[in-house]
Amino acid sequence: KRVRDHVASGLYGSASEVIREALRLFESVQEVQHAHLNALKSDVAIGLADVSAGRVAALDAAAIKAQGRAILRSREAN
């Protein structure tokens, strides 16, 4: 029905044109997802290397919140 609707809209001359365009878009989305996955894998590898090299410290959430609140207060004062 969607293919027929697209052809009926006049944007496409035939069902095969609709299908070809849909496949091109699908492949494009897959390429973007693949690139994002590769970037994520790279980031994870960097993080694991940092852990192995001892470049990671314990997270102090209270200190991070306090620092953020101090920054906000400073911005509000200006």
PDB file of N, CA and C in Angstrom:
ATOM      1  N   LYS A   1       0.828  -1.186   0.000  1.00  0.00           N
ATOM      2  CA  LYS A   1       0.000   0.000   0.000  1.00  0.00           C
ATOM      3  C   LYS A   1       0.876   1.255   0.000  1.00  0.00           C
ATOM      4  N   ARG A   2       1.933   1.249   0.818  1.00  0.00           N
ATOM      5  CA  ARG A   2       2.794   2.438   0.864  1.00  0.00           C
ATOM      6  C   ARG A   2       3.472   2.671  -0.472  1.00  0.00           C
ATOM      7  N   VAL A   3       3.916   1.582  -1.109  1.00  0.00           N
ATOM      8  CA  VAL A   3       4.554   1.714  -2.420  1.00  0.00           C
ATOM      9  C   VAL A   3       3.549   2.289  -3.414  1.00  0.00           C
ATOM     10  N   ARG A   4       2.345   1.734  -3.433  1.00  0.00           N
ATOM     11  CA  ARG A   4       1.309   2.235  -4.344  1.00  0.00           C
ATOM     12  C   ARG A   4       0.996   3.698  -4.063  1.00  0.00           C
ATOM     13  N   ASP A   5       0.952   4.071  -2.776  1.00  0.00           N
ATOM     14  CA  ASP A   5       0.676   5.465  -2.406  1.00  0.00           C
ATOM     15  C   ASP A   5       1.758   6.403  -2.935  1.00  0.00           C
ATOM     16  N   HIS A   6       3.017   5.969  -2.843  1.00  0.00           N
ATOM     17  CA  HIS A   6       4.110   6.806  -3.342  1.00  0.00           C
ATOM     18  C   HIS A   6       4.035   6.969  -4.859  1.00  0.00           C
ATOM     19  N   VAL A   7       3.725   5.902  -5.541  1.00  0.00           N
ATOM     20  CA  VAL A   7       3.585   5.984  -6.999  1.00  0.00           C
ATOM     21  C   VAL A   7       2.405   6.887  -7.339  1.00  0.00           C
ATOM     22  N   ALA A   8       1.309   6.735  -6.631  1.00  0.00           N
ATOM     23  CA  ALA A   8       0.117   7.549  -6.890  1.00  0.00           C
ATOM     24  C   ALA A   8       0.360   9.031  -6.606  1.00  0.00           C
ATOM     25  N   SER A   9       1.293   9.326  -5.704  1.00  0.00           N
ATOM     26  CA  SER A   9       1.581  10.731  -5.375  1.00  0.00           C
ATOM     27  C   SER A   9       2.260  11.453  -6.527  1.00  0.00           C
ATOM     28  N   GLY A  10       2.808  10.693  -7.473  1.00  0.00           N
ATOM     29  CA  GLY A  10       3.492  11.298  -8.608  1.00  0.00           C
ATOM     30  C   GLY A  10       4.976  11.510  -8.395  1.00  0.00           C
ATOM     31  N   LEU A  11       5.455  11.234  -7.188  1.00  0.00           N
ATOM     32  CA  LEU A  11       6.880  11.396  -6.909  1.00  0.00           C
ATOM     33  C   LEU A  11       7.727  10.314  -7.585  1.00  0.00           C
ATOM     34  N   TYR A  12       7.114   9.187  -7.844  1.00  0.00           N
ATOM     35  CA  TYR A  12       7.798   8.056  -8.462  1.00  0.00           C
ATOM     36  C   TYR A  12       6.982   7.573  -9.649  1.00  0.00           C
ATOM     37  N   GLY A  13       7.698   7.078 -10.663  1.00  0.00           N
ATOM     38  CA  GLY A  13       7.020   6.607 -11.857  1.00  0.00           C
ATOM     39  C   GLY A  13       6.570   5.171 -11.777  1.00  0.00           C
ATOM     40  N   SER A  14       7.175   4.398 -10.870  1.00  0.00           N
ATOM     41  CA  SER A  14       6.816   2.976 -10.776  1.00  0.00           C
ATOM     42  C   SER A  14       7.163   2.447  -9.390  1.00  0.00           C
ATOM     43  N   ALA A  15       6.637   1.262  -9.112  1.00  0.00           N
ATOM     44  CA  ALA A  15       6.918   0.616  -7.833  1.00  0.00           C
ATOM     45  C   ALA A  15       8.398   0.302  -7.706  1.00  0.00           C
ATOM     46  N   SER A  16       9.040  -0.061  -8.815  1.00  0.00           N
ATOM     47  CA  SER A  16      10.463  -0.398  -8.736  1.00  0.00           C
ATOM     48  C   SER A  16      11.293   0.823  -8.356  1.00  0.00           C
ATOM     49  N   GLU A  17      10.895   2.016  -8.780  1.00  0.00           N
ATOM     50  CA  GLU A  17      11.604   3.230  -8.376  1.00  0.00           C
ATOM     51  C   GLU A  17      11.496   3.442  -6.862  1.00  0.00           C
ATOM     52  N   VAL A  18      10.314   3.205  -6.330  1.00  0.00           N
ATOM     53  CA  VAL A  18      10.102   3.348  -4.883  1.00  0.00           C
ATOM     54  C   VAL A  18      10.990   2.361  -4.134  1.00  0.00           C
ATOM     55  N   ILE A  19      11.000   1.114  -4.588  1.00  0.00           N
ATOM     56  CA  ILE A  19      11.792   0.075  -3.921  1.00  0.00           C
ATOM     57  C   ILE A  19      13.279   0.397  -4.008  1.00  0.00           C
ATOM     58  N   ARG A  20      13.768   0.843  -5.186  1.00  0.00           N
ATOM     59  CA  ARG A  20      15.183   1.190  -5.331  1.00  0.00           C
ATOM     60  C   ARG A  20      15.567   2.309  -4.371  1.00  0.00           C
ATOM     61  N   GLU A  21      14.724   3.338  -4.290  1.00  0.00           N
ATOM     62  CA  GLU A  21      15.003   4.453  -3.377  1.00  0.00           C
ATOM     63  C   GLU A  21      15.000   3.977  -1.926  1.00  0.00           C
ATOM     64  N   ALA A  22      14.054   3.145  -1.573  1.00  0.00           N
ATOM     65  CA  ALA A  22      13.985   2.620  -0.206  1.00  0.00           C
ATOM     66  C   ALA A  22      15.237   1.818   0.120  1.00  0.00           C
ATOM     67  N   LEU A  23      15.701   1.004  -0.817  1.00  0.00           N
ATOM     68  CA  LEU A  23      16.913   0.220  -0.583  1.00  0.00           C
ATOM     69  C   LEU A  23      18.138   1.117  -0.450  1.00  0.00           C
ATOM     70  N   ARG A  24      18.226   2.177  -1.264  1.00  0.00           N
ATOM     71  CA  ARG A  24      19.345   3.122  -1.141  1.00  0.00           C
ATOM     72  C   ARG A  24      19.344   3.773   0.233  1.00  0.00           C
ATOM     73  N   LEU A  25      18.164   4.189   0.675  1.00  0.00           N
ATOM     74  CA  LEU A  25      18.068   4.806   1.998  1.00  0.00           C
ATOM     75  C   LEU A  25      18.431   3.819   3.098  1.00  0.00           C
ATOM     76  N   PHE A  26      17.972   2.596   2.966  1.00  0.00           N
ATOM     77  CA  PHE A  26      18.265   1.564   3.958  1.00  0.00           C
ATOM     78  C   PHE A  26      19.770   1.319   4.035  1.00  0.00           C
ATOM     79  N   GLU A  27      20.427   1.231   2.882  1.00  0.00           N
ATOM     80  CA  GLU A  27      21.868   1.012   2.860  1.00  0.00           C
ATOM     81  C   GLU A  27      22.604   2.201   3.458  1.00  0.00           C
ATOM     82  N   SER A  28      22.131   3.399   3.204  1.00  0.00           N
ATOM     83  CA  SER A  28      22.745   4.598   3.757  1.00  0.00           C
ATOM     84  C   SER A  28      22.650   4.594   5.281  1.00  0.00           C
ATOM     85  N   VAL A  29      21.489   4.244   5.797  1.00  0.00           N
ATOM     86  CA  VAL A  29      21.295   4.173   7.247  1.00  0.00           C
ATOM     87  C   VAL A  29      22.218   3.111   7.838  1.00  0.00           C
ATOM     88  N   GLN A  30      22.336   1.980   7.182  1.00  0.00           N
ATOM     89  CA  GLN A  30      23.219   0.918   7.674  1.00  0.00           C
ATOM     90  C   GLN A  30      24.671   1.385   7.712  1.00  0.00           C
ATOM     91  N   GLU A  31      25.095   2.145   6.704  1.00  0.00           N
ATOM     92  CA  GLU A  31      26.466   2.650   6.681  1.00  0.00           C
ATOM     93  C   GLU A  31      26.709   3.601   7.843  1.00  0.00           C
ATOM     94  N   VAL A  32      25.743   4.466   8.125  1.00  0.00           N
ATOM     95  CA  VAL A  32      25.876   5.403   9.241  1.00  0.00           C
ATOM     96  C   VAL A  32      25.925   4.637  10.559  1.00  0.00           C
ATOM     97  N   GLN A  33      25.049   3.651  10.710  1.00  0.00           N
ATOM     98  CA  GLN A  33      25.051   2.849  11.932  1.00  0.00           C
ATOM     99  C   GLN A  33      26.371   2.102  12.095  1.00  0.00           C
ATOM    100  N   HIS A  34      26.900   1.587  11.010  1.00  0.00           N
ATOM    101  CA  HIS A  34      28.174   0.877  11.049  1.00  0.00           C
ATOM    102  C   HIS A  34      29.297   1.826  11.474  1.00  0.00           C
ATOM    103  N   ALA A  35      29.298   3.042  10.943  1.00  0.00           N
ATOM    104  CA  ALA A  35      30.316   4.030  11.312  1.00  0.00           C
ATOM    105  C   ALA A  35      30.204   4.389  12.792  1.00  0.00           C
ATOM    106  N   HIS A  36      28.978   4.563  13.281  1.00  0.00           N
ATOM    107  CA  HIS A  36      28.775   4.882  14.696  1.00  0.00           C
ATOM    108  C   HIS A  36      29.236   3.731  15.579  1.00  0.00           C
ATOM    109  N   LEU A  37      28.939   2.511  15.171  1.00  0.00           N
ATOM    110  CA  LEU A  37      29.368   1.342  15.942  1.00  0.00           C
ATOM    111  C   LEU A  37      30.887   1.267  15.985  1.00  0.00           C
ATOM    112  N   ASN A  38      31.547   1.514  14.861  1.00  0.00           N
ATOM    113  CA  ASN A  38      33.008   1.492  14.842  1.00  0.00           C
ATOM    114  C   ASN A  38      33.592   2.570  15.750  1.00  0.00           C
ATOM    115  N   ALA A  39      32.982   3.767  15.738  1.00  0.00           N
ATOM    116  CA  ALA A  39      33.444   4.847  16.615  1.00  0.00           C
ATOM    117  C   ALA A  39      33.260   4.467  18.075  1.00  0.00           C
ATOM    118  N   LEU A  40      32.142   3.845  18.403  1.00  0.00           N
ATOM    119  CA  LEU A  40      31.891   3.407  19.765  1.00  0.00           C
ATOM    120  C   LEU A  40      32.899   2.351  20.191  1.00  0.00           C
ATOM    121  N   LYS A  41      33.171   1.393  19.308  1.00  0.00           N
ATOM    122  CA  LYS A  41      34.168   0.362  19.621  1.00  0.00           C
ATOM    123  C   LYS A  41      35.538   0.983  19.863  1.00  0.00           C
ATOM    124  N   SER A  42      35.879   1.985  19.076  1.00  0.00           N
ATOM    125  CA  SER A  42      37.152   2.684  19.249  1.00  0.00           C
ATOM    126  C   SER A  42      37.203   3.388  20.601  1.00  0.00           C
ATOM    127  N   ASP A  43      36.109   4.071  20.956  1.00  0.00           N
ATOM    128  CA  ASP A  43      36.049   4.752  22.255  1.00  0.00           C
ATOM    129  C   ASP A  43      36.173   3.769  23.413  1.00  0.00           C
ATOM    130  N   VAL A  44      35.528   2.621  23.294  1.00  0.00           N
ATOM    131  CA  VAL A  44      35.619   1.591  24.335  1.00  0.00           C
ATOM    132  C   VAL A  44      37.053   1.086  24.445  1.00  0.00           C
ATOM    133  N   ALA A  45      37.704   0.858  23.314  1.00  0.00           N
ATOM    134  CA  ALA A  45      39.091   0.385  23.324  1.00  0.00           C
ATOM    135  C   ALA A  45      40.003   1.409  23.994  1.00  0.00           C
ATOM    136  N   ILE A  46      39.783   2.687  23.715  1.00  0.00           N
ATOM    137  CA  ILE A  46      40.576   3.740  24.358  1.00  0.00           C
ATOM    138  C   ILE A  46      40.345   3.729  25.867  1.00  0.00           C
ATOM    139  N   GLY A  47      39.086   3.603  26.268  1.00  0.00           N
ATOM    140  CA  GLY A  47      38.757   3.553  27.692  1.00  0.00           C
ATOM    141  C   GLY A  47      39.396   2.372  28.386  1.00  0.00           C
ATOM    142  N   LEU A  48      39.347   1.211  27.740  1.00  0.00           N
ATOM    143  CA  LEU A  48      39.964   0.018  28.335  1.00  0.00           C
ATOM    144  C   LEU A  48      41.472   0.176  28.425  1.00  0.00           C
ATOM    145  N   ALA A  49      42.076   0.809  27.430  1.00  0.00           N
ATOM    146  CA  ALA A  49      43.521   1.058  27.481  1.00  0.00           C
ATOM    147  C   ALA A  49      43.850   2.011  28.628  1.00  0.00           C
ATOM    148  N   ASP A  50      43.005   3.013  28.852  1.00  0.00           N
ATOM    149  CA  ASP A  50      43.211   3.928  29.978  1.00  0.00           C
ATOM    150  C   ASP A  50      43.139   3.187  31.306  1.00  0.00           C
ATOM    151  N   VAL A  51      42.183   2.274  31.419  1.00  0.00           N
ATOM    152  CA  VAL A  51      42.070   1.479  32.646  1.00  0.00           C
ATOM    153  C   VAL A  51      43.329   0.648  32.836  1.00  0.00           C
ATOM    154  N   SER A  52      43.770  -0.027  31.800  1.00  0.00           N
ATOM    155  CA  SER A  52      44.963  -0.877  31.889  1.00  0.00           C
ATOM    156  C   SER A  52      46.206  -0.070  32.244  1.00  0.00           C
ATOM    157  N   ALA A  53      46.278   1.177  31.767  1.00  0.00           N
ATOM    158  CA  ALA A  53      47.450   2.016  32.022  1.00  0.00           C
ATOM    159  C   ALA A  53      47.343   2.776  33.343  1.00  0.00           C
ATOM    160  N   GLY A  54      46.233   2.602  34.048  1.00  0.00           N
ATOM    161  CA  GLY A  54      46.072   3.269  35.337  1.00  0.00           C
ATOM    162  C   GLY A  54      45.714   4.738  35.229  1.00  0.00           C
ATOM    163  N   ARG A  55      45.161   5.154  34.111  1.00  0.00           N
ATOM    164  CA  ARG A  55      44.789   6.559  33.923  1.00  0.00           C
ATOM    165  C   ARG A  55      43.343   6.844  34.316  1.00  0.00           C
ATOM    166  N   VAL A  56      42.757   5.983  35.120  1.00  0.00           N
ATOM    167  CA  VAL A  56      41.362   6.130  35.518  1.00  0.00           C
ATOM    168  C   VAL A  56      41.296   6.277  37.027  1.00  0.00           C
ATOM    169  N   ALA A  57      40.524   7.254  37.494  1.00  0.00           N
ATOM    170  CA  ALA A  57      40.365   7.478  38.929  1.00  0.00           C
ATOM    171  C   ALA A  57      38.914   7.199  39.315  1.00  0.00           C
ATOM    172  N   ALA A  58      38.711   7.005  40.600  1.00  0.00           N
ATOM    173  CA  ALA A  58      37.357   6.773  41.104  1.00  0.00           C
ATOM    174  C   ALA A  58      36.518   8.028  40.891  1.00  0.00           C
ATOM    175  N   LEU A  59      35.256   7.835  40.621  1.00  0.00           N
ATOM    176  CA  LEU A  59      34.323   8.924  40.370  1.00  0.00           C
ATOM    177  C   LEU A  59      33.788   9.439  41.698  1.00  0.00           C
ATOM    178  N   ASP A  60      33.868  10.747  41.906  1.00  0.00           N
ATOM    179  CA  ASP A  60      33.324  11.383  43.102  1.00  0.00           C
ATOM    180  C   ASP A  60      32.130  12.227  42.668  1.00  0.00           C
ATOM    181  N   ALA A  61      30.954  11.620  42.656  1.00  0.00           N
ATOM    182  CA  ALA A  61      29.747  12.287  42.165  1.00  0.00           C
ATOM    183  C   ALA A  61      29.426  13.533  42.969  1.00  0.00           C
ATOM    184  N   ALA A  62      29.629  13.501  44.272  1.00  0.00           N
ATOM    185  CA  ALA A  62      29.319  14.664  45.103  1.00  0.00           C
ATOM    186  C   ALA A  62      30.205  15.846  44.721  1.00  0.00           C
ATOM    187  N   ALA A  63      31.471  15.594  44.461  1.00  0.00           N
ATOM    188  CA  ALA A  63      32.386  16.672  44.071  1.00  0.00           C
ATOM    189  C   ALA A  63      32.005  17.230  42.702  1.00  0.00           C
ATOM    190  N   ILE A  64      31.606  16.366  41.788  1.00  0.00           N
ATOM    191  CA  ILE A  64      31.195  16.815  40.455  1.00  0.00           C
ATOM    192  C   ILE A  64      29.954  17.686  40.556  1.00  0.00           C
ATOM    193  N   LYS A  65      28.983  17.264  41.362  1.00  0.00           N
ATOM    194  CA  LYS A  65      27.765  18.064  41.553  1.00  0.00           C
ATOM    195  C   LYS A  65      28.103  19.422  42.168  1.00  0.00           C
ATOM    196  N   ALA A  66      28.963  19.424  43.189  1.00  0.00           N
ATOM    197  CA  ALA A  66      29.338  20.675  43.851  1.00  0.00           C
ATOM    198  C   ALA A  66      30.022  21.620  42.868  1.00  0.00           C
ATOM    199  N   GLN A  67      30.899  21.078  42.045  1.00  0.00           N
ATOM    200  CA  GLN A  67      31.595  21.898  41.054  1.00  0.00           C
ATOM    201  C   GLN A  67      30.594  22.475  40.044  1.00  0.00           C
ATOM    202  N   GLY A  68      29.669  21.659  39.584  1.00  0.00           N
ATOM    203  CA  GLY A  68      28.655  22.124  38.639  1.00  0.00           C
ATOM    204  C   GLY A  68      27.767  23.199  39.238  1.00  0.00           C
ATOM    205  N   ARG A  69      27.375  23.006  40.483  1.00  0.00           N
ATOM    206  CA  ARG A  69      26.535  24.008  41.145  1.00  0.00           C
ATOM    207  C   ARG A  69      27.279  25.316  41.337  1.00  0.00           C
ATOM    208  N   ALA A  70      28.575  25.223  41.656  1.00  0.00           N
ATOM    209  CA  ALA A  70      29.391  26.441  41.800  1.00  0.00           C
ATOM    210  C   ALA A  70      29.488  27.182  40.477  1.00  0.00           C
ATOM    211  N   ILE A  71      29.632  26.455  39.384  1.00  0.00           N
ATOM    212  CA  ILE A  71      29.685  27.080  38.067  1.00  0.00           C
ATOM    213  C   ILE A  71      28.372  27.773  37.755  1.00  0.00           C
ATOM    214  N   LEU A  72      27.255  27.100  38.032  1.00  0.00           N
ATOM    215  CA  LEU A  72      25.946  27.720  37.801  1.00  0.00           C
ATOM    216  C   LEU A  72      25.744  28.974  38.633  1.00  0.00           C
ATOM    217  N   ARG A  73      26.150  28.933  39.901  1.00  0.00           N
ATOM    218  CA  ARG A  73      26.027  30.119  40.758  1.00  0.00           C
ATOM    219  C   ARG A  73      26.857  31.264  40.193  1.00  0.00           C
ATOM    220  N   SER A  74      28.052  30.927  39.720  1.00  0.00           N
ATOM    221  CA  SER A  74      28.925  31.948  39.147  1.00  0.00           C
ATOM    222  C   SER A  74      28.307  32.579  37.912  1.00  0.00           C
ATOM    223  N   ARG A  75      27.693  31.779  37.070  1.00  0.00           N
ATOM    224  CA  ARG A  75      27.037  32.298  35.851  1.00  0.00           C
ATOM    225  C   ARG A  75      25.831  33.165  36.199  1.00  0.00           C
ATOM    226  N   GLU A  76      25.078  32.727  37.217  1.00  0.00           N
ATOM    227  CA  GLU A  76      23.899  33.486  37.619  1.00  0.00           C
ATOM    228  C   GLU A  76      24.283  34.822  38.235  1.00  0.00           C
ATOM    229  N   ALA A  77      25.438  34.884  38.866  1.00  0.00           N
ATOM    230  CA  ALA A  77      25.893  36.116  39.493  1.00  0.00           C
ATOM    231  C   ALA A  77      26.338  37.150  38.460  1.00  0.00           C
ATOM    232  N   ASN A  78      26.704  36.662  37.292  1.00  0.00           N
ATOM    233  CA  ASN A  78      27.201  37.576  36.247  1.00  0.00           C
ATOM    234  C   ASN A  78      26.082  38.069  35.447  1.00  0.00           C
TER     235      ASN A  78
END
